[in-house]
Structure formats: structure tokens, C-alpha cells
C-alpha atoms as a PDB file:
ATOM      1  CA  MET A   1     -23.532  14.986 -20.047  1.00  0.00           C
ATOM      2  CA  THR A   2     -20.303  16.960 -19.682  1.00  0.00           C
ATOM      3  CA  GLY A   3     -16.863  15.778 -20.742  1.00  0.00           C
ATOM      4  CA  SER A   4     -15.764  15.327 -17.140  1.00  0.00           C
ATOM      5  CA  ASP A   5     -18.832  13.162 -16.510  1.00  0.00           C
ATOM      6  CA  LEU A   6     -17.896  10.968 -19.454  1.00  0.00           C
ATOM      7  CA  VAL A   7     -14.363  10.550 -18.134  1.00  0.00           C
ATOM      8  CA  GLU A   8     -15.518   9.797 -14.578  1.00  0.00           C
ATOM      9  CA  GLN A   9     -18.037   7.219 -15.765  1.00  0.00           C
ATOM     10  CA  ALA A  10     -15.454   5.601 -18.019  1.00  0.00           C
ATOM     11  CA  ALA A  11     -12.915   5.440 -15.196  1.00  0.00           C
ATOM     12  CA  ALA A  12     -15.456   3.951 -12.798  1.00  0.00           C
ATOM     13  CA  GLU A  13     -16.351   1.254 -15.326  1.00  0.00           C
ATOM     14  CA  LEU A  14     -12.804   0.464 -16.383  1.00  0.00           C
ATOM     15  CA  TYR A  15     -11.306   0.163 -12.900  1.00  0.00           C
ATOM     16  CA  ALA A  16     -14.260  -1.918 -11.723  1.00  0.00           C
ATOM     17  CA  GLY A  17     -14.026  -4.314 -14.637  1.00  0.00           C
ATOM     18  CA  ASP A  18     -11.839  -7.204 -15.695  1.00  0.00           C
ATOM     19  CA  PRO A  19      -8.268  -5.926 -16.113  1.00  0.00           C
ATOM     20  CA  ASP A  20      -7.771  -8.302 -19.050  1.00  0.00           C
ATOM     21  CA  ALA A  21     -10.572  -6.497 -20.906  1.00  0.00           C
ATOM     22  CA  PHE A  22      -9.323  -3.029 -19.944  1.00  0.00           C
ATOM     23  CA  MET A  23      -7.634  -2.083 -23.225  1.00  0.00           C
ATOM     24  CA  ASP A  24     -10.511  -3.137 -25.509  1.00  0.00           C
ATOM     25  CA  ARG A  25     -13.128  -1.464 -23.324  1.00  0.00           C
ATOM     26  CA  ARG A  26     -11.056   1.721 -23.068  1.00  0.00           C
ATOM     27  CA  ARG A  27     -10.880   1.964 -26.863  1.00  0.00           C
ATOM     28  CA  ALA A  28     -14.643   1.477 -27.087  1.00  0.00           C
ATOM     29  CA  LEU A  29     -15.394   4.156 -24.483  1.00  0.00           C
ATOM     30  CA  ALA A  30     -12.998   6.627 -26.088  1.00  0.00           C
ATOM     31  CA  ALA A  31     -14.610   5.996 -29.464  1.00  0.00           C
ATOM     32  CA  ALA A  32     -18.059   6.544 -27.962  1.00  0.00           C
ATOM     33  CA  ALA A  33     -16.975   9.897 -26.519  1.00  0.00           C
ATOM     34  CA  ARG A  34     -15.496  10.860 -29.887  1.00  0.00           C
ATOM     35  CA  ASP A  35     -18.766   9.942 -31.621  1.00  0.00           C
ATOM     36  CA  GLN A  36     -20.563  12.296 -29.216  1.00  0.00           C
ATOM     37  CA  GLY A  37     -18.338  15.095 -30.437  1.00  0.00           C
ATOM     38  CA  ASP A  38     -16.256  15.381 -27.262  1.00  0.00           C
ATOM     39  CA  ALA A  39     -12.674  15.023 -28.471  1.00  0.00           C
ATOM     40  CA  ALA A  40     -11.205  16.192 -25.146  1.00  0.00           C
ATOM     41  CA  ALA A  41     -13.080  13.532 -23.181  1.00  0.00           C
ATOM     42  CA  ALA A  42     -12.086  10.896 -25.736  1.00  0.00           C
ATOM     43  CA  LYS A  43      -8.432  11.867 -25.324  1.00  0.00           C
ATOM     44  CA  ALA A  44      -8.697  11.774 -21.526  1.00  0.00           C
ATOM     45  CA  ILE A  45     -10.351   8.349 -21.585  1.00  0.00           C
ATOM     46  CA  ALA A  46      -7.705   7.006 -23.954  1.00  0.00           C
ATOM     47  CA  ALA A  47      -5.054   8.206 -21.479  1.00  0.00           C
ATOM     48  CA  LEU A  48      -6.489   6.174 -18.585  1.00  0.00           C
ATOM     49  CA  ARG A  49      -3.841   3.657 -17.596  1.00  0.00           C
ATOM     50  CA  LYS A  50      -4.384  -0.045 -17.170  1.00  0.00           C
ATOM     51  CA  PRO A  51      -3.991  -1.089 -13.518  1.00  0.00           C
ATOM     52  CA  THR A  52      -1.438  -3.660 -12.461  1.00  0.00           C
ATOM     53  CA  ARG A  53      -2.768  -6.970 -11.205  1.00  0.00           C
ATOM     54  CA  GLY A  54      -2.084  -5.934  -7.616  1.00  0.00           C
ATOM     55  CA  ALA A  55      -3.836  -2.578  -8.050  1.00  0.00           C
ATOM     56  CA  SER A  56      -6.814  -4.299  -9.655  1.00  0.00           C
ATOM     57  CA  THR A  57      -6.966  -6.712  -6.707  1.00  0.00           C
ATOM     58  CA  LEU A  58      -7.089  -3.803  -4.261  1.00  0.00           C
ATOM     59  CA  ASN A  59      -9.719  -1.989  -6.342  1.00  0.00           C
ATOM     60  CA  ALA A  60     -11.909  -5.068  -6.034  1.00  0.00           C
ATOM     61  CA  LEU A  61     -11.389  -5.142  -2.252  1.00  0.00           C
ATOM     62  CA  ALA A  62     -12.302  -1.447  -1.925  1.00  0.00           C
ATOM     63  CA  ARG A  63     -15.569  -2.068  -3.755  1.00  0.00           C
ATOM     64  CA  ALA A  64     -16.380  -5.298  -1.912  1.00  0.00           C
ATOM     65  CA  GLU A  65     -15.590  -4.064   1.616  1.00  0.00           C
ATOM     66  CA  PRO A  66     -15.295  -0.262   1.668  1.00  0.00           C
ATOM     67  CA  GLY A  67     -15.354  -0.103   5.471  1.00  0.00           C
ATOM     68  CA  LEU A  68     -11.955  -1.793   5.703  1.00  0.00           C
ATOM     69  CA  VAL A  69     -10.187   1.297   4.395  1.00  0.00           C
ATOM     70  CA  ASP A  70     -11.610   3.299   7.306  1.00  0.00           C
ATOM     71  CA  LYS A  71      -9.863   0.884   9.663  1.00  0.00           C
ATOM     72  CA  LEU A  72      -6.550   1.601   7.949  1.00  0.00           C
ATOM     73  CA  VAL A  73      -7.079   5.349   8.341  1.00  0.00           C
ATOM     74  CA  GLU A  74      -8.027   5.029  12.018  1.00  0.00           C
ATOM     75  CA  LEU A  75      -5.047   2.812  12.794  1.00  0.00           C
ATOM     76  CA  GLY A  76      -2.711   5.184  10.982  1.00  0.00           C
ATOM     77  CA  ALA A  77      -3.945   8.118  13.087  1.00  0.00           C
ATOM     78  CA  HIS A  78      -3.303   6.155  16.297  1.00  0.00           C
ATOM     79  CA  LEU A  79       0.191   5.215  15.102  1.00  0.00           C
ATOM     80  CA  ARG A  80       1.089   8.811  14.300  1.00  0.00           C
ATOM     81  CA  ASP A  81      -0.164   9.919  17.684  1.00  0.00           C
ATOM     82  CA  ALA A  82       1.871   7.239  19.481  1.00  0.00           C
ATOM     83  CA  GLU A  83       4.943   8.213  17.472  1.00  0.00           C
ATOM     84  CA  ARG A  84       4.559  11.879  18.435  1.00  0.00           C
ATOM     85  CA  ARG A  85       4.292  10.885  22.088  1.00  0.00           C
ATOM     86  CA  LEU A  86       7.219   8.437  21.758  1.00  0.00           C
ATOM     87  CA  ASP A  87       4.979   5.848  23.423  1.00  0.00           C
ATOM     88  CA  GLY A  88       6.983   2.663  22.860  1.00  0.00           C
ATOM     89  CA  PRO A  89       4.435   0.142  24.248  1.00  0.00           C
ATOM     90  CA  ALA A  90       1.621   1.733  22.238  1.00  0.00           C
ATOM     91  CA  MET A  91       3.736   1.724  19.058  1.00  0.00           C
ATOM     92  CA  ARG A  92       4.537  -1.967  19.504  1.00  0.00           C
ATOM     93  CA  ASP A  93       0.885  -2.847  20.081  1.00  0.00           C
ATOM     94  CA  LEU A  94      -0.282  -0.728  17.149  1.00  0.00           C
ATOM     95  CA  SER A  95       2.431  -2.185  14.910  1.00  0.00           C
ATOM     96  CA  ARG A  96       1.162  -5.663  15.774  1.00  0.00           C
ATOM     97  CA  ARG A  97      -2.400  -4.581  14.990  1.00  0.00           C
ATOM     98  CA  ARG A  98      -1.220  -3.037  11.716  1.00  0.00           C
ATOM     99  CA  ARG A  99       0.427  -6.307  10.694  1.00  0.00           C
ATOM    100  CA  GLU A 100      -2.698  -8.292  11.569  1.00  0.00           C
ATOM    101  CA  LEU A 101      -5.005  -5.881   9.731  1.00  0.00           C
ATOM    102  CA  VAL A 102      -2.834  -5.768   6.615  1.00  0.00           C
ATOM    103  CA  ASP A 103      -2.524  -9.561   6.591  1.00  0.00           C
ATOM    104  CA  ASP A 104      -6.292  -9.926   6.938  1.00  0.00           C
ATOM    105  CA  MET A 105      -6.996  -7.379   4.191  1.00  0.00           C
ATOM    106  CA  THR A 106      -4.482  -9.061   1.900  1.00  0.00           C
ATOM    107  CA  ARG A 107      -6.309 -12.370   2.317  1.00  0.00           C
ATOM    108  CA  ARG A 108      -9.670 -10.681   1.745  1.00  0.00           C
ATOM    109  CA  ALA A 109      -8.387  -8.933  -1.385  1.00  0.00           C
ATOM    110  CA  PHE A 110      -7.356 -12.191  -3.024  1.00  0.00           C
ATOM    111  CA  ALA A 111     -10.577 -13.863  -1.899  1.00  0.00           C
ATOM    112  CA  ALA A 112     -12.592 -11.033  -3.488  1.00  0.00           C
ATOM    113  CA  THR A 113     -10.898 -11.701  -6.825  1.00  0.00           C
ATOM    114  CA  GLY A 114     -10.825 -15.493  -6.563  1.00  0.00           C
ATOM    115  CA  GLN A 115      -7.034 -15.678  -6.576  1.00  0.00           C
ATOM    116  CA  SER A 116      -6.328 -18.709  -4.430  1.00  0.00           C
ATOM    117  CA  ALA A 117      -2.659 -18.934  -5.402  1.00  0.00           C
ATOM    118  CA  ALA A 118      -1.500 -15.443  -6.383  1.00  0.00           C
ATOM    119  CA  PRO A 119       2.206 -14.989  -7.230  1.00  0.00           C
ATOM    120  CA  GLY A 120       4.443 -13.643  -4.489  1.00  0.00           C
ATOM    121  CA  ALA A 121       5.156 -10.428  -6.429  1.00  0.00           C
ATOM    122  CA  ILE A 122       1.457  -9.533  -6.503  1.00  0.00           C
ATOM    123  CA  ARG A 123       1.112 -10.342  -2.804  1.00  0.00           C
ATOM    124  CA  GLU A 124       4.018  -8.016  -2.024  1.00  0.00           C
ATOM    125  CA  GLU A 125       2.448  -5.277  -4.172  1.00  0.00           C
ATOM    126  CA  VAL A 126      -0.864  -5.553  -2.322  1.00  0.00           C
ATOM    127  CA  ASN A 127       0.839  -5.732   1.071  1.00  0.00           C
ATOM    128  CA  ALA A 128       3.030  -2.686   0.375  1.00  0.00           C
ATOM    129  CA  THR A 129       0.069  -0.579  -0.766  1.00  0.00           C
ATOM    130  CA  LEU A 130      -1.949  -1.433   2.345  1.00  0.00           C
ATOM    131  CA  LEU A 131       1.015  -0.488   4.551  1.00  0.00           C
ATOM    132  CA  ALA A 132       1.308   2.801   2.668  1.00  0.00           C
ATOM    133  CA  ALA A 133      -2.423   3.418   3.181  1.00  0.00           C
ATOM    134  CA  VAL A 134      -1.922   3.119   6.953  1.00  0.00           C
ATOM    135  CA  ALA A 135       0.926   5.625   6.779  1.00  0.00           C
ATOM    136  CA  ASP A 136      -0.553   8.099   4.303  1.00  0.00           C
ATOM    137  CA  PRO A 137      -4.247   9.201   4.398  1.00  0.00           C
ATOM    138  CA  ASP A 138      -3.965  10.331   0.784  1.00  0.00           C
ATOM    139  CA  VAL A 139      -3.077   6.808  -0.314  1.00  0.00           C
ATOM    140  CA  ALA A 140      -5.994   5.505   1.754  1.00  0.00           C
ATOM    141  CA  GLU A 141      -8.337   7.971   0.058  1.00  0.00           C
ATOM    142  CA  ARG A 142      -7.242   6.831  -3.387  1.00  0.00           C
ATOM    143  CA  LEU A 143      -7.562   3.214  -2.314  1.00  0.00           C
ATOM    144  CA  ALA A 144     -11.113   3.866  -1.108  1.00  0.00           C
ATOM    145  CA  ALA A 145     -12.004   5.272  -4.536  1.00  0.00           C
ATOM    146  CA  GLY A 146     -11.195   1.868  -6.043  1.00  0.00           C
ATOM    147  CA  GLN A 147      -9.251   3.323  -8.980  1.00  0.00           C
ATOM    148  CA  LEU A 148      -5.624   2.485  -8.226  1.00  0.00           C
ATOM    149  CA  VAL A 149      -3.289   2.169 -11.185  1.00  0.00           C
ATOM    150  CA  ARG A 150      -0.224   0.731  -9.496  1.00  0.00           C
ATOM    151  CA  ALA A 151       1.073  -0.055  -6.040  1.00  0.00           C
ATOM    152  CA  ALA A 152       2.240   2.455  -3.465  1.00  0.00           C
ATOM    153  CA  GLN A 153       5.668   1.965  -1.931  1.00  0.00           C
ATOM    154  CA  TRP A 154       6.143   2.738   1.746  1.00  0.00           C
ATOM    155  CA  ASP A 155       9.588   4.121   2.621  1.00  0.00           C
ATOM    156  CA  GLY A 156       8.756   5.167   6.178  1.00  0.00           C
ATOM    157  CA  PHE A 157       5.770   5.870   8.403  1.00  0.00           C
ATOM    158  CA  GLY A 158       3.825   8.849   7.138  1.00  0.00           C
ATOM    159  CA  ALA A 159       5.387   8.775   3.653  1.00  0.00           C
ATOM    160  CA  GLY A 160       3.755   6.721   0.933  1.00  0.00           C
ATOM    161  CA  THR A 161       5.676   7.238  -2.297  1.00  0.00           C
ATOM    162  CA  GLY A 162       5.932   5.902  -5.808  1.00  0.00           C
ATOM    163  CA  PHE A 163       2.151   5.891  -6.139  1.00  0.00           C
ATOM    164  CA  ASP A 164      -0.333   6.610  -8.893  1.00  0.00           C
ATOM    165  CA  GLY A 165      -4.050   6.601  -8.298  1.00  0.00           C
ATOM    166  CA  GLY A 166      -7.193   8.470  -9.260  1.00  0.00           C
ATOM    167  CA  PHE A 167      -7.734   8.386 -13.020  1.00  0.00           C
ATOM    168  CA  GLY A 168      -4.218   7.160 -13.794  1.00  0.00           C
ATOM    169  CA  THR A 169      -2.842  10.571 -14.685  1.00  0.00           C
ATOM    170  CA  GLY A 170       0.452   9.902 -12.900  1.00  0.00           C
ATOM    171  CA  ALA A 171      -0.089  12.613 -10.285  1.00  0.00           C
ATOM    172  CA  GLU A 172       1.561  11.917  -6.987  1.00  0.00           C
ATOM    173  CA  PRO A 173      -0.346  12.227  -3.751  1.00  0.00           C
ATOM    174  CA  GLY A 174      -0.303  15.634  -2.230  1.00  0.00           C
ATOM    175  CA  GLY A 175       0.287  17.330  -5.566  1.00  0.00           C
ATOM    176  CA  ASN A 176       3.934  18.039  -4.906  1.00  0.00           C
ATOM    177  CA  GLY A 177       5.699  15.890  -7.447  1.00  0.00           C
ATOM    178  CA  GLY A 178       5.855  12.782  -5.287  1.00  0.00           C
ATOM    179  CA  THR A 179       8.402  14.089  -2.841  1.00  0.00           C
ATOM    180  CA  GLY A 180       6.407  12.812   0.113  1.00  0.00           C
ATOM    181  CA  ARG A 181       6.660  16.288   1.636  1.00  0.00           C
ATOM    182  CA  PRO A 182       3.996  18.990   1.759  1.00  0.00           C
ATOM    183  CA  GLY A 183       4.336  21.917  -0.606  1.00  0.00           C
ATOM    184  CA  LEU A 184       6.102  24.952   0.738  1.00  0.00           C
ATOM    185  CA  SER A 185       5.073  28.568   0.321  1.00  0.00           C
ATOM    186  CA  LEU A 186       6.936  31.738   1.058  1.00  0.00           C
ATOM    187  CA  VAL A 187       6.110  33.467   4.290  1.00  0.00           C
ATOM    188  CA  PRO A 188       6.185  37.280   4.041  1.00  0.00           C
ATOM    189  CA  SER A 189       9.025  38.886   5.913  1.00  0.00           C
ATOM    190  CA  PRO A 190       7.928  40.791   8.989  1.00  0.00           C
ATOM    191  CA  PRO A 191       7.902  44.581   8.627  1.00  0.00           C
ATOM    192  CA  SER A 192      11.077  46.356   9.652  1.00  0.00           C
ATOM    193  CA  PRO A 193      10.855  47.747  13.163  1.00  0.00           C
ATOM    194  CA  PRO A 194      10.739  51.520  13.508  1.00  0.00           C
ATOM    195  CA  SER A 195      14.035  53.200  14.199  1.00  0.00           C
ATOM    196  CA  SER A 196      12.970  53.963  17.741  1.00  0.00           C
ATOM    197  CA  SER A 197      12.788  50.242  18.533  1.00  0.00           C
ATOM    198  CA  VAL A 198      16.156  49.236  17.049  1.00  0.00           C
ATOM    199  CA  SER A 199      18.022  49.696  20.305  1.00  0.00           C
ATOM    200  CA  SER A 200      15.437  47.691  22.255  1.00  0.00           C
ATOM    201  CA  ALA A 201      15.593  44.910  19.639  1.00  0.00           C
ATOM    202  CA  LYS A 202      19.320  44.693  20.123  1.00  0.00           C
ATOM    203  CA  THR A 203      18.880  44.217  23.832  1.00  0.00           C
ATOM    204  CA  ARG A 204      16.659  41.214  23.121  1.00  0.00           C
ATOM    205  CA  GLU A 205      19.245  39.379  21.027  1.00  0.00           C
ATOM    206  CA  PRO A 206      19.871  35.873  22.417  1.00  0.00           C
ATOM    207  CA  THR A 207      22.857  35.408  24.623  1.00  0.00           C
ATOM    208  CA  GLY A 208      25.572  32.888  23.891  1.00  0.00           C
ATOM    209  CA  ALA A 209      24.077  30.505  26.440  1.00  0.00           C
ATOM    210  CA  GLN A 210      20.648  30.782  24.832  1.00  0.00           C
ATOM    211  CA  ARG A 211      22.079  30.133  21.375  1.00  0.00           C
ATOM    212  CA  ALA A 212      23.943  27.100  22.682  1.00  0.00           C
ATOM    213  CA  GLN A 213      20.778  25.783  24.297  1.00  0.00           C
ATOM    214  CA  ARG A 214      18.836  26.215  21.055  1.00  0.00           C
ATOM    215  CA  GLU A 215      21.530  24.348  19.170  1.00  0.00           C
ATOM    216  CA  ARG A 216      21.389  21.503  21.689  1.00  0.00           C
ATOM    217  CA  VAL A 217      17.604  21.316  21.366  1.00  0.00           C
ATOM    218  CA  ALA A 218      17.824  21.321  17.559  1.00  0.00           C
ATOM    219  CA  ALA A 219      20.464  18.569  17.649  1.00  0.00           C
ATOM    220  CA  ALA A 220      18.329  16.491  20.016  1.00  0.00           C
ATOM    221  CA  GLU A 221      15.294  16.927  17.759  1.00  0.00           C
ATOM    222  CA  ARG A 222      17.328  15.734  14.792  1.00  0.00           C
ATOM    223  CA  GLU A 223      18.422  12.677  16.759  1.00  0.00           C
ATOM    224  CA  VAL A 224      14.814  11.910  17.710  1.00  0.00           C
ATOM    225  CA  THR A 225      13.733  12.218  14.080  1.00  0.00           C
ATOM    226  CA  ALA A 226      16.556   9.932  12.952  1.00  0.00           C
ATOM    227  CA  ALA A 227      15.679   7.407  15.671  1.00  0.00           C
ATOM    228  CA  ARG A 228      12.027   7.433  14.613  1.00  0.00           C
ATOM    229  CA  ARG A 229      13.030   6.743  11.041  1.00  0.00           C
ATOM    230  CA  LEU A 230      15.168   3.823  12.174  1.00  0.00           C
ATOM    231  CA  VAL A 231      12.226   2.407  14.140  1.00  0.00           C
ATOM    232  CA  VAL A 232       9.929   2.710  11.145  1.00  0.00           C
ATOM    233  CA  LYS A 233      12.515   1.181   8.816  1.00  0.00           C
ATOM    234  CA  ALA A 234      13.023  -1.744  11.191  1.00  0.00           C
ATOM    235  CA  GLU A 235       9.269  -2.270  11.514  1.00  0.00           C
ATOM    236  CA  THR A 236       8.884  -2.178   7.731  1.00  0.00           C
ATOM    237  CA  GLU A 237      11.601  -4.758   7.246  1.00  0.00           C
ATOM    238  CA  ALA A 238      10.085  -6.912   9.983  1.00  0.00           C
ATOM    239  CA  ALA A 239       6.679  -6.756   8.294  1.00  0.00           C
ATOM    240  CA  LYS A 240       8.208  -7.783   4.960  1.00  0.00           C
ATOM    241  CA  HIS A 241      10.055 -10.694   6.548  1.00  0.00           C
ATOM    242  CA  GLN A 242       6.903 -11.722   8.408  1.00  0.00           C
ATOM    243  CA  GLU A 243       4.993 -11.802   5.131  1.00  0.00           C
ATOM    244  CA  ARG A 244       7.786 -13.796   3.497  1.00  0.00           C
ATOM    245  CA  LEU A 245       7.853 -16.204   6.446  1.00  0.00           C
ATOM    246  CA  ARG A 246       4.118 -16.769   6.245  1.00  0.00           C
ATOM    247  CA  SER A 247       4.391 -17.429   2.515  1.00  0.00           C
ATOM    248  CA  LEU A 248       7.183 -19.947   3.094  1.00  0.00           C
ATOM    249  CA  GLU A 249       5.220 -21.619   5.900  1.00  0.00           C
ATOM    250  CA  GLU A 250       2.260 -22.001   3.542  1.00  0.00           C
ATOM    251  CA  GLN A 251       4.535 -23.569   0.942  1.00  0.00           C
ATOM    252  CA  VAL A 252       6.034 -25.936   3.526  1.00  0.00           C
ATOM    253  CA  ALA A 253       2.539 -26.938   4.667  1.00  0.00           C
ATOM    254  CA  ALA A 254       1.545 -27.653   1.071  1.00  0.00           C
ATOM    255  CA  VAL A 255       4.665 -29.757   0.486  1.00  0.00           C
ATOM    256  CA  ARG A 256       4.064 -31.690   3.713  1.00  0.00           C
ATOM    257  CA  HIS A 257       0.521 -32.405   2.598  1.00  0.00           C
ATOM    258  CA  ARG A 258       1.759 -33.702  -0.753  1.00  0.00           C
ATOM    259  CA  LEU A 259       4.411 -35.751   1.079  1.00  0.00           C
ATOM    260  CA  THR A 260       1.739 -37.314   3.270  1.00  0.00           C
ATOM    261  CA  GLU A 261      -0.338 -38.179   0.225  1.00  0.00           C
ATOM    262  CA  ALA A 262       2.735 -39.619  -1.473  1.00  0.00           C
ATOM    263  CA  GLY A 263       3.360 -41.779   1.611  1.00  0.00           C
ATOM    264  CA  HIS A 264      -0.166 -43.152   1.376  1.00  0.00           C
ATOM    265  CA  ASP A 265       0.396 -43.891  -2.302  1.00  0.00           C
ATOM    266  CA  VAL A 266       3.646 -45.730  -1.490  1.00  0.00           C
ATOM    267  CA  ARG A 267       1.930 -47.891   1.133  1.00  0.00           C
ATOM    268  CA  GLU A 268      -0.934 -48.688  -1.220  1.00  0.00           C
ATOM    269  CA  ALA A 269       1.514 -49.577  -3.996  1.00  0.00           C
ATOM    270  CA  LYS A 270       3.483 -51.872  -1.683  1.00  0.00           C
ATOM    271  CA  ALA A 271       0.295 -53.575  -0.526  1.00  0.00           C
ATOM    272  CA  GLU A 272      -0.768 -54.099  -4.125  1.00  0.00           C
ATOM    273  CA  LEU A 273       2.721 -55.489  -4.891  1.00  0.00           C
ATOM    274  CA  ARG A 274       2.385 -58.028  -2.074  1.00  0.00           C
ATOM    275  CA  ARG A 275      -1.045 -59.068  -3.309  1.00  0.00           C
ATOM    276  CA  ALA A 276       0.269 -59.473  -6.838  1.00  0.00           C
ATOM    277  CA  GLU A 277       3.207 -61.569  -5.608  1.00  0.00           C
ATOM    278  CA  GLN A 278       0.818 -63.778  -3.641  1.00  0.00           C
ATOM    279  CA  ARG A 279      -1.352 -64.291  -6.699  1.00  0.00           C
ATOM    280  CA  LEU A 280       1.717 -65.132  -8.735  1.00  0.00           C
ATOM    281  CA  GLU A 281       2.834 -67.644  -6.116  1.00  0.00           C
ATOM    282  CA  ARG A 282      -0.563 -69.349  -6.039  1.00  0.00           C
ATOM    283  CA  ALA A 283      -0.696 -69.439  -9.843  1.00  0.00           C
ATOM    284  CA  GLY A 284       2.658 -71.246  -9.982  1.00  0.00           C
ATOM    285  CA  ARG A 285       1.571 -74.083  -7.744  1.00  0.00           C
END
């Protein structure tokens, strides 16, 4: 078995196991690799990072229901297409479907790990990562692998940032330092035209009207991009508030239930008080 096989097997076991036992099991696996004479694999295993509780919850969901991640990817593709076409009705419908899917997957994630009353911070971590998976196929791919280390943060549609996945090496998606932008490469300059074509090239220089038109188009494109970002930001905030509202509604429902039970207890106590007073009255006769 090669060193990379040892690391992959260790990662698969660690991220599929109990996060509370992660540290002890990691030490044992690193020691086993060292005993096999593979110091490099032992070092790599020892460097695997313990997942947060939210990441561990999502890893469990990815293993329990792997097909759900495909739904995130498909929905994200439809959203990007609607955004390119500036199709407002489609974007609203898809945003609603995104909210419903993320809410459903959040519930399934906590059910898969038996967390009936998870803290709000963990719920927000899970919710944010699922939203980022809709926006960024790379995040979705790492989610599907079931080896997340910490949550992804979504700062706009198509840009999942602040994310670690894979074997917990700290690499950002896309391999470009976590900028959320694709890597850039230099494009070779076109060859210089022969001297005989210089005069004809000059005649093809854009006129003032053409330059002005290009500037107007560029300005309009910048405005469209800015408007799209505002839409995405507003939708993100709305989704966060919706999640917070649902959490508060659940808390209110729980308090109302306890209030109802307390009302029953009060009525029972009053009835028992009346019975005791009646017994006391009969005893005094």
C-alpha cells in the first residue's frame, strides 16, 4: 500500500467517524503509518484537521444521502443560467426552491446525526455551507466527498469563500488562494503587423463615436454586474433572516407548549386545593 493510499484511507475513516474521537484515532493512524516505515504518510495523517461540528454534520449527510448534493449542483446551474439571462421571475422561483432545498437538507443533516436541538451557531454553519454549495460547484464537490473540515461562507452567488475541504490541508477551492476568482494566465501578445499593413491598421482605428459607444457599453455592463451583486446580497440576507425567523418560531412554539402544560398543572393544582379544603371542612365538623 502506498503512502497516498494510507492517507486517503485514514482521511476516509476519520471524517466518517465520531468527531469527539478524531484526535485519538488520528494519533493511532499516524503511529500505524510510522510503524510501517512511511514517515511521510504519518506526517500527512497527523496534519489532518479535526472538522467542526457543523462540517461533521454535513459529512454525515453526504454519506447518508449522497444524491442530495446533486440537487444542489443542478439548482445552482439553473440559477446561474437565470442570472445570465436576467430572468427575474425564474430567479425568484429558483431562489424559493433554493431556500426550500437548503432548509430540507439542514433538517436531514441534523436528523442523520441525531441532533434534535442543535445550537443556532451550528445550524447557521450548516445552512451557509449548503448555500455556498449551490453557488459554487467546487464546494459541492468537496461536500459530496464527505470530508469537510469547516464551513464555507457565501458572499455572493457563484463565490463560495472561506472554505477548507478535502483532507484538511487548508487549500481553497479553485487553487487560487481563496480569492473566489479563477486563476489568470498571460496571453501572448499578437505578432506585430508587417510594415506594409501599418497604414491599413491605422485606418481601422475606432472613431470617437465608436470609442464612446464602447465606454457606454462597458459602463452599462458594470452597472448590471453591480445590480446582480445587490440582488444576490439581498437574497442572502433574506435567507439568513428566514432561517432566523424559523428558529424563533420553533422556540415560540416550544414555549407555548410549555405554557399550555403549565396551565394544565395550574388547573390540576387548584382542583386539588379545593378538594383538600373540602376535606378539611368535613374534618372540622
